[in-house]
Amino acid sequence: MDILQIAALAVFLTIACLIVRQYKPEYAVVMQIGAFCAVVLMLFSYIEGLLKAAQSIVEISQINIDF
């Protein structure tokens, strides 16, 4: 369910940036950077889970970590 919330936030922020760009293009750039940072920070919890899963697969398969 969190993925849907993140996607909805990304769509909302995109529309907001497009509206702001019509009136104040310099503010739209700042909004875009902030929106990108917000979405990436929200996705860190999922990325962490993927990295832990990959690490456990490496440990189970006893692959040399240098590869």
C-alpha atoms as a PDB file:
ATOM      1  CA  MET A   1       0.000   0.000   0.000  1.00  0.00           C
ATOM      2  CA  ASP A   2       2.905   2.339   0.636  1.00  0.00           C
ATOM      3  CA  ILE A   3       3.964   2.105  -2.999  1.00  0.00           C
ATOM      4  CA  LEU A   4       0.580   3.493  -4.061  1.00  0.00           C
ATOM      5  CA  GLN A   5       0.983   6.389  -1.650  1.00  0.00           C
ATOM      6  CA  ILE A   6       4.447   7.149  -2.987  1.00  0.00           C
ATOM      7  CA  ALA A   7       3.188   6.984  -6.576  1.00  0.00           C
ATOM      8  CA  ALA A   8       0.243   9.254  -5.739  1.00  0.00           C
ATOM      9  CA  LEU A   9       2.602  11.735  -4.077  1.00  0.00           C
ATOM     10  CA  ALA A  10       4.881  11.680  -7.114  1.00  0.00           C
ATOM     11  CA  VAL A  11       1.942  12.377  -9.453  1.00  0.00           C
ATOM     12  CA  PHE A  12       0.694  15.187  -7.218  1.00  0.00           C
ATOM     13  CA  LEU A  13       4.133  16.788  -7.019  1.00  0.00           C
ATOM     14  CA  THR A  14       4.558  16.517 -10.785  1.00  0.00           C
ATOM     15  CA  ILE A  15       1.265  18.309 -11.400  1.00  0.00           C
ATOM     16  CA  ALA A  16       2.146  20.945  -8.798  1.00  0.00           C
ATOM     17  CA  CYS A  17       5.511  21.552 -10.485  1.00  0.00           C
ATOM     18  CA  LEU A  18       3.840  21.932 -13.870  1.00  0.00           C
ATOM     19  CA  ILE A  19       1.416  24.500 -12.481  1.00  0.00           C
ATOM     20  CA  VAL A  20       4.139  26.458 -10.691  1.00  0.00           C
ATOM     21  CA  ARG A  21       6.331  26.385 -13.813  1.00  0.00           C
ATOM     22  CA  GLN A  22       3.738  28.457 -15.680  1.00  0.00           C
ATOM     23  CA  TYR A  23       4.017  31.339 -13.224  1.00  0.00           C
ATOM     24  CA  LYS A  24       7.439  31.048 -11.560  1.00  0.00           C
ATOM     25  CA  PRO A  25       9.846  28.777 -13.491  1.00  0.00           C
ATOM     26  CA  GLU A  26      12.672  29.383 -11.007  1.00  0.00           C
ATOM     27  CA  TYR A  27      10.558  28.019  -8.143  1.00  0.00           C
ATOM     28  CA  ALA A  28       9.578  24.983 -10.197  1.00  0.00           C
ATOM     29  CA  VAL A  29      13.194  23.834 -10.345  1.00  0.00           C
ATOM     30  CA  VAL A  30      13.487  23.970  -6.558  1.00  0.00           C
ATOM     31  CA  MET A  31      10.192  22.106  -6.224  1.00  0.00           C
ATOM     32  CA  GLN A  32      11.387  19.402  -8.612  1.00  0.00           C
ATOM     33  CA  ILE A  33      14.578  18.854  -6.637  1.00  0.00           C
ATOM     34  CA  GLY A  34      12.628  18.732  -3.382  1.00  0.00           C
ATOM     35  CA  ALA A  35      10.055  16.328  -4.832  1.00  0.00           C
ATOM     36  CA  PHE A  36      12.778  14.031  -6.111  1.00  0.00           C
ATOM     37  CA  CYS A  37      14.492  14.000  -2.714  1.00  0.00           C
ATOM     38  CA  ALA A  38      11.202  13.304  -0.928  1.00  0.00           C
ATOM     39  CA  VAL A  39      10.338  10.352  -3.170  1.00  0.00           C
ATOM     40  CA  VAL A  40      13.846   8.880  -2.944  1.00  0.00           C
ATOM     41  CA  LEU A  41      13.851   9.163   0.845  1.00  0.00           C
ATOM     42  CA  MET A  42      10.499   7.387   0.976  1.00  0.00           C
ATOM     43  CA  LEU A  43      11.877   4.590  -1.213  1.00  0.00           C
ATOM     44  CA  PHE A  44      14.946   3.979   0.976  1.00  0.00           C
ATOM     45  CA  SER A  45      13.033   1.549   3.192  1.00  0.00           C
ATOM     46  CA  TYR A  46      12.277  -0.640   0.170  1.00  0.00           C
ATOM     47  CA  ILE A  47      15.818  -0.418  -1.155  1.00  0.00           C
ATOM     48  CA  GLU A  48      17.139  -1.486   2.245  1.00  0.00           C
ATOM     49  CA  GLY A  49      14.922  -4.586   2.158  1.00  0.00           C
ATOM     50  CA  LEU A  50      16.184  -5.504  -1.304  1.00  0.00           C
ATOM     51  CA  LEU A  51      19.808  -5.152  -0.227  1.00  0.00           C
ATOM     52  CA  LYS A  52      19.220  -7.348   2.825  1.00  0.00           C
ATOM     53  CA  ALA A  53      17.568  -9.997   0.640  1.00  0.00           C
ATOM     54  CA  ALA A  54      20.494  -9.930  -1.790  1.00  0.00           C
ATOM     55  CA  GLN A  55      22.955 -10.218   1.097  1.00  0.00           C
ATOM     56  CA  SER A  56      21.135 -13.239   2.522  1.00  0.00           C
ATOM     57  CA  ILE A  57      21.144 -14.922  -0.916  1.00  0.00           C
ATOM     58  CA  VAL A  58      24.893 -14.372  -1.164  1.00  0.00           C
ATOM     59  CA  GLU A  59      25.415 -15.834   2.320  1.00  0.00           C
ATOM     60  CA  ILE A  60      23.242 -18.892   1.618  1.00  0.00           C
ATOM     61  CA  SER A  61      24.885 -19.646  -1.727  1.00  0.00           C
ATOM     62  CA  GLN A  62      28.394 -19.124  -0.267  1.00  0.00           C
ATOM     63  CA  ILE A  63      29.473 -17.017  -3.224  1.00  0.00           C
ATOM     64  CA  ASN A  64      32.731 -15.124  -2.882  1.00  0.00           C
ATOM     65  CA  ILE A  65      31.688 -11.547  -2.140  1.00  0.00           C
ATOM     66  CA  ASP A  66      34.438 -10.196  -4.422  1.00  0.00           C
ATOM     67  CA  PHE A  67      32.355 -11.258  -7.410  1.00  0.00           C
END
